[in-house]
Amino acid sequence: MTTRQSEHDLPPGHEPPATGPTSDLGFDLPAPPKVSRARVMLVMFGLLACVGAAFVAGYLPREAAQAELEENTPKAGELLHVAVLPPKLLRKESEIVLPGSVEPLADTMLYPQANGYVKRFLVDIGAHVKEGQLLAEIETPALDQELDQAKAALVQAEATVKQTEAARDYSSTSLKRYEVLKPSGVASQQELDQRQSESLVSESNVAAANAAVSVQRANIRRLVKLLEFSRVVAPFDGIITMRSIDKGTLVTSGNTTPMFRLVATDPVRVFVQVPQDVAPTVSVGSTAEVTVREFPNRVFEGEVKHTAGALDMTTRTMTTEVRVPNPNDELLTGMYSNVSFKLKSPHTIYEVPGTALYNDSQGLRLATVDAQDHIRFVKVTIDRDLGSTLQISSGLSGDERIVRLANASLTEGAQVRLQDE
């Protein structure tokens, strides 16, 4: 007979088998890990450090900005404090240099006005030609045939005139005869009327024949004029810059097949876009100096020949034409150049901080402080924006006190107090 031992009677190291869910797994679960006190303290210290860094990075700058704002914001009855500085003079120019483009005085494409084949051409690219000089000849067999036919038709028309004139003379004589015979009763009224009608028809036939002769003569003059276009001549003095034909090339009248390109280069035209702030000082007849990098030691004297008289709405510049003598063809069309204009009044450039600019519905402005410490806004024109600084070309005289930092609380005529007082 066996007796069951109780759990308290088991020897040390012999625990009773696990019961419940753990025994269902078929193995024993490991003991939970133990976390040391040092690791817990380290984690707590890290969390506190993160919270402190976030506080320093977020709250303290915001608090400092709020304090600065409260310091700069005037209390009730107090004046706004502003920092001012004078505009810095960068340069004072008595002339302005602008980029320009060299263009020919005249530029035209020469097209054939007669159908045919190129018989010969007498010039090539780079040739200097004079007005009326023969450039090429066109062989026109079809046009020659048309002229021969027109001459033959003219002879035929002139013969028809003689025939109609003879018929008219006969009708006129017959009419006179019947007018004599009618009173004596030899000829009837019907016969007299018939002779009168024939006389009128003969007169009309003569007029029609003469008109046909005029038409044929006009046709001959047209064909002769077209034959003159078989000789292609230069319309003005210039240089041949393109040739697109060869001997035997088929050409047709019209503007589809160019033969030559002719440009006039003495003088040349230099086109410049003059900005708004100096456009009123550039007038027709004033002098200008043109330079190109290919001739570093040469200055080409020119004269303002034409101005647009209005500004381009997109670029706010005025197109200006400068005529420059070019007897030796040193200035080539298409060259990039620099054009210098003498200004009637000096062109002054001032520098101000970029933070001083107001840009609103009223345009570009700067806030200045007058002698009585009142705010006065002035409109300015920016010559160049460098980001941190602005170069002002108009609107400043140089003795202003400019508010360094644009502030929305500033209003025209407001009383302020300078920070250095």
Protein backbone atom coordinates (compact mmCIF):
# COMPACT_ATOMS: atom_id res chain seq x y z
CA MET A 1 0.00 0.00 0.00
CA THR A 2 1.45 3.28 -1.07
CA THR A 3 0.88 6.63 0.47
CA ARG A 4 0.85 10.09 -1.52
CA GLN A 5 3.55 12.47 -0.39
CA SER A 6 2.54 16.04 0.10
CA GLU A 7 4.24 18.99 -1.73
CA HIS A 8 5.89 19.98 1.56
CA ASP A 9 7.51 16.53 1.91
CA LEU A 10 9.42 16.73 -1.47
CA PRO A 11 13.17 17.06 -1.20
CA PRO A 12 14.84 20.33 -2.13
CA GLY A 13 15.15 20.93 -5.88
CA HIS A 14 12.12 18.77 -6.69
CA GLU A 15 9.21 21.13 -7.38
CA PRO A 16 5.86 19.77 -8.31
CA PRO A 17 4.98 19.66 -12.02
CA ALA A 18 3.43 22.82 -13.42
CA THR A 19 -0.28 22.87 -13.87
CA GLY A 20 -2.53 25.03 -15.98
CA PRO A 21 -1.60 26.59 -19.38
CA THR A 22 2.12 26.21 -18.90
CA SER A 23 1.90 22.49 -18.60
CA ASP A 24 0.07 22.39 -21.91
CA LEU A 25 3.15 23.74 -23.80
CA GLY A 26 5.24 20.77 -22.95
CA PHE A 27 8.18 22.90 -21.72
CA ASP A 28 8.98 25.37 -18.99
CA LEU A 29 8.94 29.15 -19.70
CA PRO A 30 12.19 31.03 -18.94
CA ALA A 31 12.32 33.29 -15.95
CA PRO A 32 11.64 37.03 -16.67
CA PRO A 33 14.79 39.18 -17.06
CA LYS A 34 15.81 41.39 -14.21
CA VAL A 35 16.31 45.19 -14.96
CA SER A 36 19.06 46.79 -12.97
CA ARG A 37 18.55 50.03 -11.10
CA ALA A 38 21.46 51.66 -13.01
CA ARG A 39 19.79 51.09 -16.38
CA VAL A 40 16.50 52.57 -15.17
CA MET A 41 18.30 55.66 -13.93
CA LEU A 42 20.14 56.02 -17.24
CA VAL A 43 16.89 55.91 -19.23
CA MET A 44 15.27 58.44 -16.91
CA PHE A 45 18.26 60.77 -17.29
CA GLY A 46 18.07 60.52 -21.11
CA LEU A 47 14.37 61.41 -21.13
CA LEU A 48 15.01 64.41 -18.90
CA ALA A 49 17.84 65.55 -21.21
CA CYS A 50 15.56 65.37 -24.30
CA VAL A 51 12.85 67.37 -22.55
CA GLY A 52 15.39 69.99 -21.50
CA ALA A 53 16.81 70.31 -25.02
CA ALA A 54 13.32 70.74 -26.50
CA PHE A 55 12.63 73.44 -23.91
CA VAL A 56 15.83 75.30 -24.73
CA ALA A 57 15.29 75.02 -28.52
CA GLY A 58 11.63 76.00 -28.56
CA TYR A 59 10.52 77.94 -25.56
CA LEU A 60 13.52 80.13 -24.82
CA PRO A 61 13.87 81.63 -28.41
CA ARG A 62 10.16 82.24 -28.51
CA GLU A 63 10.33 83.92 -25.15
CA ALA A 64 13.26 86.06 -26.31
CA ALA A 65 11.43 87.05 -29.53
CA GLN A 66 8.35 87.93 -27.49
CA ALA A 67 10.44 90.05 -25.19
CA GLU A 68 12.09 91.82 -28.13
CA LEU A 69 8.71 92.43 -29.74
CA GLU A 70 7.34 93.84 -26.50
CA GLU A 71 10.41 96.02 -26.16
CA ASN A 72 10.08 97.40 -29.72
CA THR A 73 6.32 97.76 -29.55
CA PRO A 74 5.48 101.15 -28.16
CA LYS A 75 3.24 101.30 -25.16
CA ALA A 76 0.25 103.57 -25.12
CA GLY A 77 1.52 107.13 -25.47
CA GLU A 78 5.07 106.05 -26.35
CA LEU A 79 6.86 106.67 -29.68
CA LEU A 80 8.04 103.84 -31.91
CA HIS A 81 11.80 103.34 -31.79
CA VAL A 82 13.46 102.92 -35.18
CA ALA A 83 17.03 102.48 -36.34
CA VAL A 84 18.08 104.65 -39.28
CA LEU A 85 21.09 104.85 -41.55
CA PRO A 86 22.07 107.02 -44.55
CA PRO A 87 22.13 105.54 -48.07
CA LYS A 88 25.60 104.50 -49.20
CA LEU A 89 26.84 106.15 -52.39
CA LEU A 90 28.20 103.45 -54.71
CA ARG A 91 28.92 105.42 -57.88
CA LYS A 92 28.01 108.64 -59.62
CA GLU A 93 28.16 108.23 -63.36
CA SER A 94 28.13 110.91 -66.04
CA GLU A 95 27.73 108.21 -68.70
CA ILE A 96 26.05 104.85 -69.00
CA VAL A 97 27.23 101.79 -70.95
CA LEU A 98 24.62 99.48 -72.42
CA PRO A 99 24.85 96.35 -74.61
CA GLY A 100 23.93 96.72 -78.26
CA SER A 101 23.62 94.70 -81.46
CA VAL A 102 25.13 95.75 -84.79
CA GLU A 103 22.62 95.58 -87.66
CA PRO A 104 22.88 96.57 -91.35
CA LEU A 105 21.41 99.81 -92.63
CA ALA A 106 19.49 97.83 -95.26
CA ASP A 107 18.95 94.10 -95.65
CA THR A 108 17.04 92.57 -98.54
CA MET A 109 16.58 89.26 -100.31
CA LEU A 110 16.70 89.39 -104.10
CA TYR A 111 14.07 87.17 -105.77
CA PRO A 112 13.64 86.46 -109.49
CA GLN A 113 10.80 88.20 -111.35
CA ALA A 114 11.08 86.08 -114.49
CA ASN A 115 10.72 82.32 -115.04
CA GLY A 116 13.71 80.56 -116.54
CA TYR A 117 17.16 79.12 -115.96
CA VAL A 118 20.17 80.89 -114.50
CA LYS A 119 22.39 81.67 -117.46
CA ARG A 120 25.26 82.99 -115.33
CA PHE A 121 25.96 84.71 -112.03
CA LEU A 122 28.64 87.36 -111.71
CA VAL A 123 29.05 87.80 -107.92
CA ASP A 124 29.47 85.60 -104.88
CA ILE A 125 29.35 86.02 -101.10
CA GLY A 126 31.52 88.83 -99.79
CA ALA A 127 31.38 90.79 -103.05
CA HIS A 128 30.99 94.57 -102.75
CA VAL A 129 28.51 95.76 -105.36
CA LYS A 130 27.21 99.13 -106.51
CA GLU A 131 23.64 100.15 -107.19
CA GLY A 132 22.56 98.96 -110.66
CA GLN A 133 25.43 96.47 -111.00
CA LEU A 134 24.56 93.26 -112.86
CA LEU A 135 24.49 90.27 -110.51
CA ALA A 136 23.07 87.45 -112.65
CA GLU A 137 21.29 86.72 -115.93
CA ILE A 138 18.30 84.43 -116.43
CA GLU A 139 17.62 82.62 -119.70
CA THR A 140 13.86 82.86 -120.45
CA PRO A 141 12.92 80.73 -123.50
CA ALA A 142 9.23 80.62 -122.62
CA LEU A 143 9.08 84.37 -122.13
CA ASP A 144 10.85 84.94 -125.45
CA GLN A 145 8.24 82.77 -127.17
CA GLU A 146 5.42 84.71 -125.54
CA LEU A 147 6.94 87.96 -126.79
CA ASP A 148 7.13 86.62 -130.37
CA GLN A 149 3.50 85.54 -130.17
CA ALA A 150 2.49 88.93 -128.83
CA LYS A 151 4.24 90.70 -131.68
CA ALA A 152 2.50 88.47 -134.23
CA ALA A 153 -0.84 89.11 -132.55
CA LEU A 154 -0.17 92.85 -132.77
CA VAL A 155 0.41 92.58 -136.52
CA GLN A 156 -2.84 90.64 -136.86
CA ALA A 157 -4.71 93.21 -134.79
CA GLU A 158 -3.35 96.07 -136.89
CA ALA A 159 -4.51 94.26 -140.08
CA THR A 160 -7.95 93.84 -138.58
CA VAL A 161 -8.04 97.58 -137.98
CA LYS A 162 -7.42 98.23 -141.65
CA GLN A 163 -10.16 95.78 -142.65
CA THR A 164 -12.67 97.35 -140.32
CA GLU A 165 -11.72 100.82 -141.47
CA ALA A 166 -12.28 99.79 -145.13
CA ALA A 167 -15.67 98.31 -144.23
CA ARG A 168 -16.55 101.48 -142.36
CA ASP A 169 -15.62 103.68 -145.34
CA TYR A 170 -17.76 101.54 -147.65
CA SER A 171 -20.72 101.69 -145.24
CA SER A 172 -20.37 105.46 -144.96
CA THR A 173 -20.33 105.92 -148.76
CA SER A 174 -23.31 103.63 -149.22
CA LEU A 175 -25.25 105.51 -146.56
CA LYS A 176 -24.65 108.83 -148.32
CA ARG A 177 -25.85 107.33 -151.61
CA TYR A 178 -29.10 106.08 -150.12
CA GLU A 179 -29.67 109.40 -148.39
CA VAL A 180 -29.66 111.00 -151.89
CA LEU A 181 -31.88 108.32 -153.45
CA LYS A 182 -34.47 108.28 -150.69
CA PRO A 183 -36.14 111.64 -151.52
CA SER A 184 -36.56 110.71 -155.19
CA GLY A 185 -38.28 107.42 -154.26
CA VAL A 186 -35.60 105.16 -155.75
CA ALA A 187 -34.63 103.81 -152.30
CA SER A 188 -37.07 102.91 -149.54
CA GLN A 189 -36.91 104.04 -145.95
CA GLN A 190 -36.16 100.48 -144.88
CA GLU A 191 -33.08 100.35 -147.09
CA LEU A 192 -31.91 103.69 -145.75
CA ASP A 193 -32.33 102.46 -142.16
CA GLN A 194 -30.37 99.33 -142.98
CA ARG A 195 -27.47 101.34 -144.39
CA GLN A 196 -27.42 103.54 -141.28
CA SER A 197 -27.22 100.46 -139.04
CA GLU A 198 -24.40 99.00 -141.10
CA SER A 199 -22.51 102.31 -140.83
CA LEU A 200 -22.85 102.29 -137.01
CA VAL A 201 -21.69 98.66 -136.81
CA SER A 202 -18.67 99.47 -138.95
CA GLU A 203 -17.74 102.35 -136.67
CA SER A 204 -17.99 100.02 -133.66
CA ASN A 205 -15.87 97.39 -135.37
CA VAL A 206 -13.14 99.96 -136.01
CA ALA A 207 -13.18 101.01 -132.34
CA ALA A 208 -12.99 97.36 -131.22
CA ALA A 209 -10.11 96.67 -133.59
CA ASN A 210 -8.20 99.70 -132.29
CA ALA A 211 -8.79 98.52 -128.70
CA ALA A 212 -7.42 95.08 -129.61
CA VAL A 213 -4.30 96.75 -130.97
CA SER A 214 -3.88 98.66 -127.69
CA VAL A 215 -4.24 95.43 -125.73
CA GLN A 216 -1.55 93.71 -127.79
CA ARG A 217 0.80 96.65 -127.42
CA ALA A 218 0.28 96.65 -123.63
CA ASN A 219 0.98 92.92 -123.56
CA ILE A 220 4.20 93.47 -125.49
CA ARG A 221 5.28 96.19 -123.06
CA ARG A 222 4.58 93.80 -120.15
CA LEU A 223 6.64 91.04 -121.68
CA VAL A 224 9.48 93.42 -122.50
CA LYS A 225 9.44 94.59 -118.89
CA LEU A 226 9.59 91.00 -117.68
CA LEU A 227 12.52 90.37 -119.98
CA GLU A 228 14.32 93.22 -118.27
CA PHE A 229 14.04 91.24 -115.03
CA SER A 230 16.10 88.50 -116.62
CA ARG A 231 18.99 90.79 -115.66
CA VAL A 232 19.22 90.79 -111.86
CA VAL A 233 20.84 94.02 -110.65
CA ALA A 234 21.72 95.43 -107.22
CA PRO A 235 19.10 97.83 -105.80
CA PHE A 236 21.67 99.64 -103.60
CA ASP A 237 25.34 99.62 -102.64
CA GLY A 238 26.23 96.79 -100.32
CA ILE A 239 27.76 93.37 -99.73
CA ILE A 240 26.48 90.02 -100.98
CA THR A 241 26.12 87.82 -97.89
CA MET A 242 24.31 84.86 -99.46
CA ARG A 243 24.06 83.17 -102.87
CA SER A 244 21.61 80.30 -103.34
CA ILE A 245 21.79 79.72 -107.11
CA ASP A 246 24.12 78.03 -109.58
CA LYS A 247 24.35 78.03 -113.32
CA GLY A 248 21.35 76.21 -114.76
CA THR A 249 19.19 76.58 -111.65
CA LEU A 250 15.47 76.77 -112.45
CA VAL A 251 13.93 79.88 -110.93
CA THR A 252 10.34 81.09 -110.86
CA SER A 253 8.98 84.56 -110.28
CA GLY A 254 7.80 85.31 -106.76
CA ASN A 255 9.25 85.22 -103.27
CA THR A 256 9.80 81.48 -102.92
CA THR A 257 13.31 81.06 -104.37
CA PRO A 258 15.80 83.75 -103.19
CA MET A 259 18.84 84.32 -105.35
CA PHE A 260 21.01 86.68 -103.30
CA ARG A 261 21.01 88.48 -99.98
CA LEU A 262 22.31 92.03 -100.07
CA VAL A 263 23.12 94.16 -97.00
CA ALA A 264 24.26 97.76 -96.70
CA THR A 265 26.91 98.17 -94.00
CA ASP A 266 28.03 101.79 -94.28
CA PRO A 267 26.83 103.12 -91.97
CA VAL A 268 25.63 100.38 -89.63
CA ARG A 269 22.82 100.61 -87.11
CA VAL A 270 23.42 99.69 -83.47
CA PHE A 271 20.21 98.98 -81.53
CA VAL A 272 20.23 99.56 -77.77
CA GLN A 273 17.56 99.06 -75.11
CA VAL A 274 17.79 102.13 -72.86
CA PRO A 275 16.31 101.65 -69.33
CA GLN A 276 13.57 103.89 -68.02
CA ASP A 277 15.65 105.90 -65.54
CA VAL A 278 17.96 107.31 -68.25
CA ALA A 279 15.66 107.18 -71.28
CA PRO A 280 14.64 110.88 -70.99
CA THR A 281 18.29 111.96 -71.22
CA VAL A 282 18.92 110.14 -74.55
CA SER A 283 17.76 112.31 -77.44
CA VAL A 284 18.05 112.27 -81.23
CA GLY A 285 21.27 113.91 -82.39
CA SER A 286 23.28 113.15 -79.25
CA THR A 287 26.60 111.38 -79.58
CA ALA A 288 27.44 107.84 -78.53
CA GLU A 289 30.59 105.74 -78.42
CA VAL A 290 30.54 102.14 -79.63
CA THR A 291 33.16 99.55 -78.70
CA VAL A 292 33.54 95.86 -79.57
CA ARG A 293 35.84 93.33 -77.96
CA GLU A 294 37.44 92.47 -81.33
CA PHE A 295 38.93 95.99 -81.40
CA PRO A 296 39.84 96.65 -77.74
CA ASN A 297 41.65 99.92 -78.44
CA ARG A 298 39.13 101.37 -80.89
CA VAL A 299 36.20 103.67 -80.21
CA PHE A 300 33.66 104.10 -83.00
CA GLU A 301 31.85 107.43 -82.86
CA GLY A 302 28.12 107.30 -83.53
CA GLU A 303 25.02 109.44 -83.40
CA VAL A 304 21.57 108.72 -82.02
CA LYS A 305 19.43 108.65 -85.17
CA HIS A 306 16.09 107.34 -83.91
CA THR A 307 14.38 106.56 -80.61
CA ALA A 308 11.14 104.66 -80.15
CA GLY A 309 9.71 107.49 -78.10
CA ALA A 310 7.98 105.02 -75.79
CA LEU A 311 8.93 102.29 -73.33
CA ASP A 312 8.31 98.61 -73.92
CA MET A 313 5.58 97.59 -71.48
CA THR A 314 7.36 94.32 -70.62
CA THR A 315 11.00 95.38 -70.21
CA ARG A 316 10.46 99.10 -69.44
CA THR A 317 13.17 100.02 -71.93
CA MET A 318 13.24 102.27 -75.00
CA THR A 319 14.60 101.01 -78.32
CA THR A 320 17.28 103.40 -79.59
CA GLU A 321 19.15 103.36 -82.93
CA VAL A 322 22.72 104.63 -83.18
CA ARG A 323 24.23 105.20 -86.63
CA VAL A 324 27.96 104.46 -86.86
CA PRO A 325 30.08 105.12 -90.00
CA ASN A 326 31.69 101.91 -91.24
CA PRO A 327 33.67 102.72 -94.43
CA ASN A 328 36.11 99.84 -93.98
CA ASP A 329 33.48 97.26 -93.00
CA GLU A 330 35.20 96.67 -89.66
CA LEU A 331 31.91 96.39 -87.81
CA LEU A 332 30.24 93.17 -88.92
CA THR A 333 26.49 92.80 -88.75
CA GLY A 334 25.43 90.65 -85.83
CA MET A 335 28.31 91.76 -83.60
CA TYR A 336 27.75 92.27 -79.87
CA SER A 337 28.83 95.76 -78.81
CA ASN A 338 28.85 98.19 -75.90
CA VAL A 339 27.35 101.64 -76.38
CA SER A 340 28.28 104.53 -74.09
CA PHE A 341 25.92 107.51 -73.74
CA LYS A 342 26.84 110.83 -72.17
CA LEU A 343 24.16 111.75 -69.63
CA LYS A 344 22.84 115.27 -69.25
CA SER A 345 22.49 114.69 -65.50
CA PRO A 346 24.70 112.30 -63.44
CA HIS A 347 23.37 108.80 -62.89
CA THR A 348 23.76 108.08 -59.17
CA ILE A 349 23.55 104.63 -57.55
CA TYR A 350 22.93 104.24 -53.79
CA GLU A 351 23.05 101.08 -51.67
CA VAL A 352 20.55 100.33 -48.87
CA PRO A 353 19.81 97.18 -46.82
CA GLY A 354 17.35 94.75 -48.33
CA THR A 355 15.36 94.80 -45.06
CA ALA A 356 14.42 98.46 -45.64
CA LEU A 357 12.30 97.80 -48.74
CA TYR A 358 8.51 98.06 -48.73
CA ASN A 359 6.80 96.25 -51.59
CA ASP A 360 3.04 96.66 -51.50
CA SER A 361 0.16 97.89 -53.63
CA GLN A 362 1.76 101.34 -53.75
CA GLY A 363 4.95 100.02 -55.35
CA LEU A 364 8.57 99.86 -54.18
CA ARG A 365 9.17 102.30 -51.32
CA LEU A 366 11.58 103.16 -48.53
CA ALA A 367 10.63 104.70 -45.19
CA THR A 368 12.68 107.77 -44.26
CA VAL A 369 12.73 110.00 -41.19
CA ASP A 370 12.62 113.76 -41.82
CA ALA A 371 14.17 116.51 -39.70
CA GLN A 372 11.13 116.56 -37.40
CA ASP A 373 11.38 112.78 -36.85
CA HIS A 374 8.30 112.02 -38.94
CA ILE A 375 8.02 109.04 -41.30
CA ARG A 376 8.11 109.92 -45.00
CA PHE A 377 7.80 107.23 -47.70
CA VAL A 378 9.68 107.66 -51.00
CA LYS A 379 9.26 105.61 -54.18
CA VAL A 380 12.47 104.17 -55.57
CA THR A 381 13.73 102.27 -58.61
CA ILE A 382 15.94 99.23 -58.05
CA ASP A 383 18.93 99.01 -60.36
CA ARG A 384 20.16 95.69 -58.95
CA ASP A 385 18.88 93.38 -56.21
CA LEU A 386 21.73 91.58 -54.43
CA GLY A 387 19.55 89.99 -51.75
CA SER A 388 21.05 91.45 -48.59
CA THR A 389 21.47 94.87 -50.21
CA LEU A 390 19.68 96.86 -52.90
CA GLN A 391 21.17 99.25 -55.45
CA ILE A 392 18.81 102.19 -55.95
CA SER A 393 19.04 104.17 -59.19
CA SER A 394 16.35 106.79 -58.60
CA GLY A 395 14.28 108.21 -55.75
CA LEU A 396 17.09 109.10 -53.32
CA SER A 397 19.17 112.26 -53.01
CA GLY A 398 21.74 110.86 -50.55
CA ASP A 399 20.90 112.88 -47.42
CA GLU A 400 17.92 110.79 -46.27
CA ARG A 401 17.71 108.88 -43.00
CA ILE A 402 16.37 105.47 -44.00
CA VAL A 403 14.61 103.15 -41.58
CA ARG A 404 16.76 100.03 -41.44
CA LEU A 405 13.96 97.52 -40.83
CA ALA A 406 10.62 97.73 -42.65
CA ASN A 407 7.82 97.71 -40.10
CA ALA A 408 4.13 97.36 -40.90
CA SER A 409 3.27 99.70 -38.02
CA LEU A 410 4.96 102.63 -39.77
CA THR A 411 2.57 105.11 -41.39
CA GLU A 412 3.06 108.27 -43.38
CA GLY A 413 3.64 111.24 -41.05
CA ALA A 414 3.93 109.14 -37.89
CA GLN A 415 6.19 110.50 -35.11
CA VAL A 416 9.06 108.15 -34.22
CA ARG A 417 12.06 108.11 -31.94
CA LEU A 418 15.54 107.15 -33.07
CA GLN A 419 17.14 104.29 -31.16
CA ASP A 420 20.46 106.06 -30.70
CA GLU A 421 18.75 108.93 -28.79
